[in-house]
C-alpha atoms as a PDB file:
ATOM      1  CA  MET A   1      95.010 104.445  67.669  1.00  0.00           C
ATOM      2  CA  LYS A   2      95.024 108.211  67.989  1.00  0.00           C
ATOM      3  CA  ASP A   3      92.498 109.648  70.431  1.00  0.00           C
ATOM      4  CA  PRO A   4      90.340 111.324  69.226  1.00  0.00           C
ATOM      5  CA  SER A   5      90.088 109.957  65.691  1.00  0.00           C
ATOM      6  CA  LEU A   6      87.407 108.494  63.462  1.00  0.00           C
ATOM      7  CA  ARG A   7      89.462 105.318  63.052  1.00  0.00           C
ATOM      8  CA  ARG A   8      89.598 104.789  66.809  1.00  0.00           C
ATOM      9  CA  SER A   9      85.873 105.417  67.266  1.00  0.00           C
ATOM     10  CA  ILE A  10      84.965 102.963  64.497  1.00  0.00           C
ATOM     11  CA  ALA A  11      87.256 100.294  65.956  1.00  0.00           C
ATOM     12  CA  LEU A  12      85.664 100.688  69.404  1.00  0.00           C
ATOM     13  CA  LEU A  13      82.139 100.613  67.933  1.00  0.00           C
ATOM     14  CA  ARG A  14      82.915  97.394  66.071  1.00  0.00           C
ATOM     15  CA  ALA A  15      84.312  95.858  69.247  1.00  0.00           C
ATOM     16  CA  PHE A  16      81.209  96.847  71.230  1.00  0.00           C
ATOM     17  CA  ARG A  17      78.986  95.165  68.638  1.00  0.00           C
ATOM     18  CA  GLN A  18      80.889  91.921  69.233  1.00  0.00           C
ATOM     19  CA  GLU A  19      80.784  92.143  73.041  1.00  0.00           C
ATOM     20  CA  GLN A  20      78.394  89.208  73.478  1.00  0.00           C
ATOM     21  CA  HIS A  21      80.334  86.981  71.088  1.00  0.00           C
ATOM     22  CA  ASP A  22      83.911  88.037  71.806  1.00  0.00           C
ATOM     23  CA  PRO A  23      84.096  89.830  75.185  1.00  0.00           C
ATOM     24  CA  ALA A  24      87.861  89.340  75.496  1.00  0.00           C
ATOM     25  CA  ARG A  25      88.509  91.311  72.312  1.00  0.00           C
ATOM     26  CA  CYS A  26      85.984  94.006  73.191  1.00  0.00           C
ATOM     27  CA  TYR A  27      87.172  94.649  76.730  1.00  0.00           C
ATOM     28  CA  GLY A  28      90.823  94.147  75.857  1.00  0.00           C
ATOM     29  CA  LEU A  29      90.626  96.932  73.275  1.00  0.00           C
ATOM     30  CA  LEU A  30      88.685  99.166  75.672  1.00  0.00           C
ATOM     31  CA  ALA A  31      91.252  98.542  78.418  1.00  0.00           C
ATOM     32  CA  ARG A  32      94.163  99.487  76.179  1.00  0.00           C
ATOM     33  CA  ASP A  33      92.336 102.601  75.053  1.00  0.00           C
ATOM     34  CA  ALA A  34      91.524 103.644  78.643  1.00  0.00           C
ATOM     35  CA  ALA A  35      95.106 103.038  79.790  1.00  0.00           C
ATOM     36  CA  ASP A  36      96.323 105.236  76.926  1.00  0.00           C
ATOM     37  CA  GLN A  37      93.965 107.981  78.139  1.00  0.00           C
ATOM     38  CA  VAL A  38      95.263 107.694  81.700  1.00  0.00           C
ATOM     39  CA  GLU A  39      98.888 107.824  80.503  1.00  0.00           C
ATOM     40  CA  ARG A  40      98.249 111.155  78.847  1.00  0.00           C
ATOM     41  CA  HIS A  41      98.129 112.536  82.387  1.00  0.00           C
ATOM     42  CA  VAL A  42     100.348 110.243  84.465  1.00  0.00           C
ATOM     43  CA  ARG A  43     102.875 107.517  83.761  1.00  0.00           C
ATOM     44  CA  LEU A  44     101.515 104.203  85.020  1.00  0.00           C
ATOM     45  CA  ARG A  45     104.766 102.402  85.784  1.00  0.00           C
ATOM     46  CA  GLY A  46     105.198 102.074  89.529  1.00  0.00           C
ATOM     47  CA  ARG A  47     101.878 103.761  90.327  1.00  0.00           C
ATOM     48  CA  ILE A  48      99.160 102.365  92.570  1.00  0.00           C
ATOM     49  CA  VAL A  49      95.984 102.075  90.485  1.00  0.00           C
ATOM     50  CA  VAL A  50      92.656 101.213  92.129  1.00  0.00           C
ATOM     51  CA  ASP A  51      90.106  99.815  89.671  1.00  0.00           C
ATOM     52  CA  VAL A  52      86.620 100.161  91.176  1.00  0.00           C
ATOM     53  CA  GLY A  53      83.874  98.053  89.611  1.00  0.00           C
ATOM     54  CA  GLY A  54      86.212  96.606  86.994  1.00  0.00           C
ATOM     55  CA  GLY A  55      84.289  93.367  86.474  1.00  0.00           C
ATOM     56  CA  ASN A  56      86.526  90.498  85.423  1.00  0.00           C
ATOM     57  CA  GLY A  57      89.639  92.681  85.555  1.00  0.00           C
ATOM     58  CA  HIS A  58      90.485  93.571  81.964  1.00  0.00           C
ATOM     59  CA  PHE A  59      91.504  97.084  83.000  1.00  0.00           C
ATOM     60  CA  THR A  60      93.508  95.886  86.009  1.00  0.00           C
ATOM     61  CA  ARG A  61      95.426  93.417  83.849  1.00  0.00           C
ATOM     62  CA  GLU A  62      96.262  96.172  81.350  1.00  0.00           C
ATOM     63  CA  PHE A  63      97.459  98.510  84.111  1.00  0.00           C
ATOM     64  CA  ARG A  64      99.681  95.745  85.479  1.00  0.00           C
ATOM     65  CA  ARG A  65     101.011  95.015  81.989  1.00  0.00           C
ATOM     66  CA  ARG A  66     102.181  98.629  81.870  1.00  0.00           C
ATOM     67  CA  GLY A  67     104.011  98.337  85.162  1.00  0.00           C
ATOM     68  CA  ALA A  68     101.390  99.698  87.556  1.00  0.00           C
ATOM     69  CA  ARG A  69     100.461  98.093  90.861  1.00  0.00           C
ATOM     70  CA  GLY A  70      96.846  97.462  89.933  1.00  0.00           C
ATOM     71  CA  TYR A  71      94.164  96.390  92.415  1.00  0.00           C
ATOM     72  CA  LEU A  72      90.634  95.341  91.476  1.00  0.00           C
ATOM     73  CA  PHE A  73      87.567  95.965  93.671  1.00  0.00           C
ATOM     74  CA  GLU A  74      84.306  94.509  92.332  1.00  0.00           C
ATOM     75  CA  PRO A  75      81.027  94.169  94.288  1.00  0.00           C
ATOM     76  CA  ASP A  76      79.462  91.395  92.169  1.00  0.00           C
ATOM     77  CA  PRO A  77      81.081  87.927  92.364  1.00  0.00           C
ATOM     78  CA  ARG A  78      79.342  86.979  89.117  1.00  0.00           C
ATOM     79  CA  GLU A  79      81.040  89.808  87.254  1.00  0.00           C
ATOM     80  CA  LEU A  80      84.425  88.772  88.627  1.00  0.00           C
ATOM     81  CA  THR A  81      84.190  85.383  86.926  1.00  0.00           C
ATOM     82  CA  ALA A  82      82.002  86.320  83.942  1.00  0.00           C
ATOM     83  CA  HIS A  83      84.797  86.090  81.370  1.00  0.00           C
ATOM     84  CA  GLY A  84      87.350  83.827  83.019  1.00  0.00           C
ATOM     85  CA  THR A  85      89.619  83.934  86.034  1.00  0.00           C
ATOM     86  CA  PRO A  86      89.919  87.380  87.666  1.00  0.00           C
ATOM     87  CA  PRO A  87      93.341  88.925  88.384  1.00  0.00           C
ATOM     88  CA  GLU A  88      95.210  87.680  91.436  1.00  0.00           C
ATOM     89  CA  GLY A  89      94.271  89.594  94.566  1.00  0.00           C
ATOM     90  CA  ALA A  90      90.868  90.796  93.334  1.00  0.00           C
ATOM     91  CA  VAL A  91      88.632  91.907  96.205  1.00  0.00           C
ATOM     92  CA  ILE A  92      84.849  91.739  96.486  1.00  0.00           C
ATOM     93  CA  ALA A  93      84.007  95.183  97.834  1.00  0.00           C
ATOM     94  CA  ASP A  94      81.307  97.830  97.683  1.00  0.00           C
ATOM     95  CA  GLY A  95      82.320 101.010  95.864  1.00  0.00           C
ATOM     96  CA  TYR A  96      80.534 103.063  98.518  1.00  0.00           C
ATOM     97  CA  LEU A  97      82.874 101.754 101.213  1.00  0.00           C
ATOM     98  CA  LEU A  98      86.222 100.581  99.879  1.00  0.00           C
ATOM     99  CA  PRO A  99      88.505  98.684 102.277  1.00  0.00           C
ATOM    100  CA  LEU A 100      91.297 101.205 101.738  1.00  0.00           C
ATOM    101  CA  ALA A 101      92.920 103.930 103.795  1.00  0.00           C
ATOM    102  CA  ASP A 102      92.636 107.565 102.769  1.00  0.00           C
ATOM    103  CA  GLY A 103      94.901 108.709  99.938  1.00  0.00           C
ATOM    104  CA  VAL A 104      96.494 105.375  98.994  1.00  0.00           C
ATOM    105  CA  ALA A 105      95.906 105.479  95.224  1.00  0.00           C
ATOM    106  CA  ASP A 106      97.908 107.391  92.647  1.00  0.00           C
ATOM    107  CA  VAL A 107      95.093 106.703  90.190  1.00  0.00           C
ATOM    108  CA  CYS A 108      91.496 105.780  91.027  1.00  0.00           C
ATOM    109  CA  PHE A 109      89.777 104.330  87.972  1.00  0.00           C
ATOM    110  CA  SER A 110      86.083 103.659  87.325  1.00  0.00           C
ATOM    111  CA  SER A 111      84.818 102.750  83.865  1.00  0.00           C
ATOM    112  CA  ASN A 112      81.077 102.622  83.146  1.00  0.00           C
ATOM    113  CA  VAL A 113      80.064 102.113  86.774  1.00  0.00           C
ATOM    114  CA  LEU A 114      78.416 105.396  87.793  1.00  0.00           C
ATOM    115  CA  GLU A 115      75.159 104.625  85.977  1.00  0.00           C
ATOM    116  CA  HIS A 116      74.869 101.422  88.003  1.00  0.00           C
ATOM    117  CA  VAL A 117      74.921 103.014  91.470  1.00  0.00           C
ATOM    118  CA  ALA A 118      71.911 104.564  93.198  1.00  0.00           C
ATOM    119  CA  ASP A 119      73.933 107.367  94.827  1.00  0.00           C
ATOM    120  CA  PRO A 120      76.539 108.670  92.353  1.00  0.00           C
ATOM    121  CA  GLN A 121      77.703 111.522  94.608  1.00  0.00           C
ATOM    122  CA  THR A 122      78.563 109.198  97.503  1.00  0.00           C
ATOM    123  CA  PHE A 123      80.318 106.856  95.074  1.00  0.00           C
ATOM    124  CA  LEU A 124      82.390 109.735  93.688  1.00  0.00           C
ATOM    125  CA  SER A 125      83.255 110.865  97.215  1.00  0.00           C
ATOM    126  CA  GLU A 126      84.674 107.428  97.956  1.00  0.00           C
ATOM    127  CA  LEU A 127      86.844 107.532  94.823  1.00  0.00           C
ATOM    128  CA  VAL A 128      88.153 110.929  95.933  1.00  0.00           C
ATOM    129  CA  ARG A 129      88.788 109.723  99.492  1.00  0.00           C
ATOM    130  CA  VAL A 130      91.118 106.891  98.474  1.00  0.00           C
ATOM    131  CA  THR A 131      93.101 109.067  96.021  1.00  0.00           C
ATOM    132  CA  ARG A 132      96.213 110.842  97.256  1.00  0.00           C
ATOM    133  CA  PRO A 133      96.518 114.644  96.945  1.00  0.00           C
ATOM    134  CA  GLY A 134      97.701 115.329  93.419  1.00  0.00           C
ATOM    135  CA  GLY A 135      96.459 111.938  92.258  1.00  0.00           C
ATOM    136  CA  LEU A 136      94.213 111.274  89.276  1.00  0.00           C
ATOM    137  CA  ILE A 137      90.595 110.122  89.227  1.00  0.00           C
ATOM    138  CA  TYR A 138      89.245 108.631  85.986  1.00  0.00           C
ATOM    139  CA  VAL A 139      85.456 108.279  85.804  1.00  0.00           C
ATOM    140  CA  SER A 140      83.389 107.462  82.743  1.00  0.00           C
ATOM    141  CA  PHE A 141      79.713 106.616  82.486  1.00  0.00           C
ATOM    142  CA  THR A 142      76.911 106.221  79.965  1.00  0.00           C
ATOM    143  CA  ASN A 143      74.345 108.932  80.631  1.00  0.00           C
ATOM    144  CA  TRP A 144      70.640 108.097  80.484  1.00  0.00           C
ATOM    145  CA  TYR A 145      69.751 110.065  77.339  1.00  0.00           C
ATOM    146  CA  SER A 146      72.687 108.630  75.425  1.00  0.00           C
ATOM    147  CA  PRO A 147      71.671 106.370  72.511  1.00  0.00           C
ATOM    148  CA  TRP A 148      73.144 103.575  74.658  1.00  0.00           C
ATOM    149  CA  GLY A 149      71.576 104.799  77.908  1.00  0.00           C
ATOM    150  CA  GLY A 150      69.265 101.801  78.200  1.00  0.00           C
ATOM    151  CA  HIS A 151      72.167  99.406  77.635  1.00  0.00           C
ATOM    152  CA  GLU A 152      70.935  96.140  76.123  1.00  0.00           C
ATOM    153  CA  TRP A 153      67.442  97.540  75.566  1.00  0.00           C
ATOM    154  CA  ALA A 154      68.639 100.782  73.953  1.00  0.00           C
ATOM    155  CA  PRO A 155      67.599 102.874  72.071  1.00  0.00           C
ATOM    156  CA  TRP A 156      64.048 101.913  73.020  1.00  0.00           C
ATOM    157  CA  HIS A 157      64.553 103.402  76.492  1.00  0.00           C
ATOM    158  CA  TYR A 158      63.575 106.728  74.902  1.00  0.00           C
ATOM    159  CA  LEU A 159      60.017 105.349  74.835  1.00  0.00           C
ATOM    160  CA  GLY A 160      60.141 104.265  78.491  1.00  0.00           C
ATOM    161  CA  ALA A 161      62.169 101.757  80.460  1.00  0.00           C
ATOM    162  CA  GLU A 162      59.419  99.195  81.029  1.00  0.00           C
ATOM    163  CA  ARG A 163      58.354  99.235  77.411  1.00  0.00           C
ATOM    164  CA  ALA A 164      61.977  98.809  76.325  1.00  0.00           C
ATOM    165  CA  ARG A 165      62.528  95.893  78.712  1.00  0.00           C
ATOM    166  CA  ALA A 166      59.365  94.168  77.515  1.00  0.00           C
ATOM    167  CA  ARG A 167      60.433  94.563  73.903  1.00  0.00           C
ATOM    168  CA  TYR A 168      63.842  93.078  74.692  1.00  0.00           C
ATOM    169  CA  THR A 169      62.219  90.023  76.296  1.00  0.00           C
ATOM    170  CA  ARG A 170      59.890  89.505  73.333  1.00  0.00           C
ATOM    171  CA  ARG A 171      62.742  89.821  70.856  1.00  0.00           C
ATOM    172  CA  THR A 172      65.314  87.645  72.614  1.00  0.00           C
ATOM    173  CA  GLY A 173      63.196  85.277  74.693  1.00  0.00           C
ATOM    174  CA  ARG A 174      65.096  86.126  77.894  1.00  0.00           C
ATOM    175  CA  ALA A 175      64.858  88.719  80.623  1.00  0.00           C
ATOM    176  CA  ALA A 176      66.988  91.841  80.336  1.00  0.00           C
ATOM    177  CA  LYS A 177      70.051  92.057  82.568  1.00  0.00           C
ATOM    178  CA  HIS A 178      69.293  95.604  83.699  1.00  0.00           C
ATOM    179  CA  THR A 179      66.282  97.060  85.485  1.00  0.00           C
ATOM    180  CA  LEU A 180      65.890 100.816  85.907  1.00  0.00           C
ATOM    181  CA  GLY A 181      66.016 101.723  89.586  1.00  0.00           C
ATOM    182  CA  GLU A 182      67.679  98.437  90.609  1.00  0.00           C
ATOM    183  CA  ASN A 183      70.977  98.029  88.754  1.00  0.00           C
ATOM    184  CA  LEU A 184      70.689 100.843  86.205  1.00  0.00           C
ATOM    185  CA  PHE A 185      69.988 104.486  87.043  1.00  0.00           C
ATOM    186  CA  ALA A 186      69.230 107.627  85.064  1.00  0.00           C
ATOM    187  CA  VAL A 187      72.426 109.639  85.523  1.00  0.00           C
ATOM    188  CA  HIS A 188      72.706 112.907  83.607  1.00  0.00           C
ATOM    189  CA  ILE A 189      75.678 114.964  82.436  1.00  0.00           C
ATOM    190  CA  GLY A 190      74.585 118.433  83.553  1.00  0.00           C
ATOM    191  CA  PRO A 191      74.048 117.606  87.251  1.00  0.00           C
ATOM    192  CA  THR A 192      77.220 115.503  87.320  1.00  0.00           C
ATOM    193  CA  LEU A 193      79.351 118.315  85.908  1.00  0.00           C
ATOM    194  CA  ARG A 194      77.848 120.835  88.323  1.00  0.00           C
ATOM    195  CA  HIS A 195      78.568 118.498  91.220  1.00  0.00           C
ATOM    196  CA  VAL A 196      82.247 117.867  90.441  1.00  0.00           C
ATOM    197  CA  ARG A 197      82.903 121.532  89.605  1.00  0.00           C
ATOM    198  CA  ALA A 198      81.455 122.592  92.951  1.00  0.00           C
ATOM    199  CA  ARG A 199      83.579 120.165  94.961  1.00  0.00           C
ATOM    200  CA  PRO A 200      86.515 121.771  96.805  1.00  0.00           C
ATOM    201  CA  ASP A 201      88.482 118.500  96.935  1.00  0.00           C
ATOM    202  CA  VAL A 202      88.931 117.962  93.186  1.00  0.00           C
ATOM    203  CA  GLY A 203      89.785 119.978  90.117  1.00  0.00           C
ATOM    204  CA  VAL A 204      88.387 119.107  86.702  1.00  0.00           C
ATOM    205  CA  VAL A 205      91.255 118.353  84.313  1.00  0.00           C
ATOM    206  CA  SER A 206      89.016 117.231  81.467  1.00  0.00           C
ATOM    207  CA  ALA A 207      85.313 116.719  80.788  1.00  0.00           C
ATOM    208  CA  ARG A 208      84.732 115.210  77.368  1.00  0.00           C
ATOM    209  CA  SER A 209      83.029 112.541  75.341  1.00  0.00           C
ATOM    210  CA  ARG A 210      84.952 109.305  75.799  1.00  0.00           C
ATOM    211  CA  TYR A 211      84.404 108.004  72.249  1.00  0.00           C
ATOM    212  CA  TRP A 212      83.545 111.074  70.161  1.00  0.00           C
ATOM    213  CA  PRO A 213      85.921 111.297  67.166  1.00  0.00           C
ATOM    214  CA  PHE A 214      85.867 115.076  66.709  1.00  0.00           C
ATOM    215  CA  LEU A 215      86.154 117.908  69.253  1.00  0.00           C
ATOM    216  CA  PRO A 216      85.213 115.630  72.180  1.00  0.00           C
ATOM    217  CA  ALA A 217      85.326 118.429  74.784  1.00  0.00           C
ATOM    218  CA  VAL A 218      83.079 120.766  72.787  1.00  0.00           C
ATOM    219  CA  VAL A 219      80.028 118.512  72.708  1.00  0.00           C
ATOM    220  CA  THR A 220      79.866 118.394  76.526  1.00  0.00           C
ATOM    221  CA  ARG A 221      79.516 122.196  76.753  1.00  0.00           C
ATOM    222  CA  VAL A 222      76.116 122.464  75.089  1.00  0.00           C
ATOM    223  CA  PRO A 223      73.271 121.981  77.601  1.00  0.00           C
ATOM    224  CA  GLY A 224      70.527 119.707  76.357  1.00  0.00           C
ATOM    225  CA  LEU A 225      72.361 118.448  73.290  1.00  0.00           C
ATOM    226  CA  ARG A 226      75.170 117.026  75.406  1.00  0.00           C
ATOM    227  CA  GLU A 227      72.733 114.689  77.143  1.00  0.00           C
ATOM    228  CA  VAL A 228      72.222 112.901  73.820  1.00  0.00           C
ATOM    229  CA  LEU A 229      75.351 113.554  71.769  1.00  0.00           C
ATOM    230  CA  THR A 230      78.072 112.906  74.370  1.00  0.00           C
ATOM    231  CA  TRP A 231      77.168 109.200  74.440  1.00  0.00           C
ATOM    232  CA  ASN A 232      79.600 108.486  77.290  1.00  0.00           C
ATOM    233  CA  LEU A 233      81.077 111.163  79.566  1.00  0.00           C
ATOM    234  CA  LEU A 234      84.722 110.925  80.601  1.00  0.00           C
ATOM    235  CA  LEU A 235      85.862 112.940  83.604  1.00  0.00           C
ATOM    236  CA  ILE A 236      89.518 113.317  84.512  1.00  0.00           C
ATOM    237  CA  LEU A 237      89.771 114.825  87.997  1.00  0.00           C
ATOM    238  CA  ARG A 238      92.805 115.864  90.050  1.00  0.00           C
ATOM    239  CA  ARG A 239      92.669 115.385  93.824  1.00  0.00           C
ATOM    240  CA  CYS A 240      93.317 118.712  95.523  1.00  0.00           C
ATOM    241  CA  PRO A 241      95.778 118.982  98.457  1.00  0.00           C
END
C-alpha cells in the first residue's frame, strides 16, 4: 500500500476496528506498514533494530523477516504473551534504562509507547543513547487531543478522563485497561516537537501524521489544529555524530 494514500489509511482503520477480535491481523498489518516507513530511510537487511515497548513482538518479527537483527525490549510480561509466544530472545526491560551499551542500534524503534510513559523526555533520551551516530530513531505516539487519545474510552476523553472511564465500565461491564496518570499520559504534539528540535544530539528527518492520507507533514505544522487532526504523530530522527 502506498504511503500516504486513502486506500492505506482505510485498510489500517479497518484493521484497528478488528483489534480486539483479530489482533494478529491488526498488528501484522501495522508492522508491515511501519517497516515500510523505516525502509524509506534505511535498508533493514543486516541492521541492528531495537524495538522498545513492542508488546508481543509483531514489529520485531517483521524486522527479522526483512533480514534485520531485531531485538525486543518490553517492560510488561503480560504484553509479551498477550497474543501468543514472543520472539526468541525477548527481554523484559524498562525503556528508561535499557540494558544496552551506547550506540549499538542502527535503528531504534518505538511504536505507540510515548503516551504510556510518565517522563517522555527521559524515554526519548534513552532511545537516542542506544542509537549509533547516523542511526535512525522511529517514534510514534497518539497525542492526548487526538480522537483516539483516550484509547479504549475515546472519544469521550474530551469530556474528562474519569467520566470517560466510568462510561466505558457502564457500557462494557468491565474496567478500562488504561488510567490517566498511571499507564496513560496526556502527551501533546507542540511540546514534543519543540523538545526534539531543541536537542543537539538528533536531527528531525520527518515530523508527520502517521496515518493521514493526504499531506501528512502539513497537518503537523498548524498549532492547535495539529493536536486534534494529526491523530498519531510520527517522528523520524537521525542521531547526530
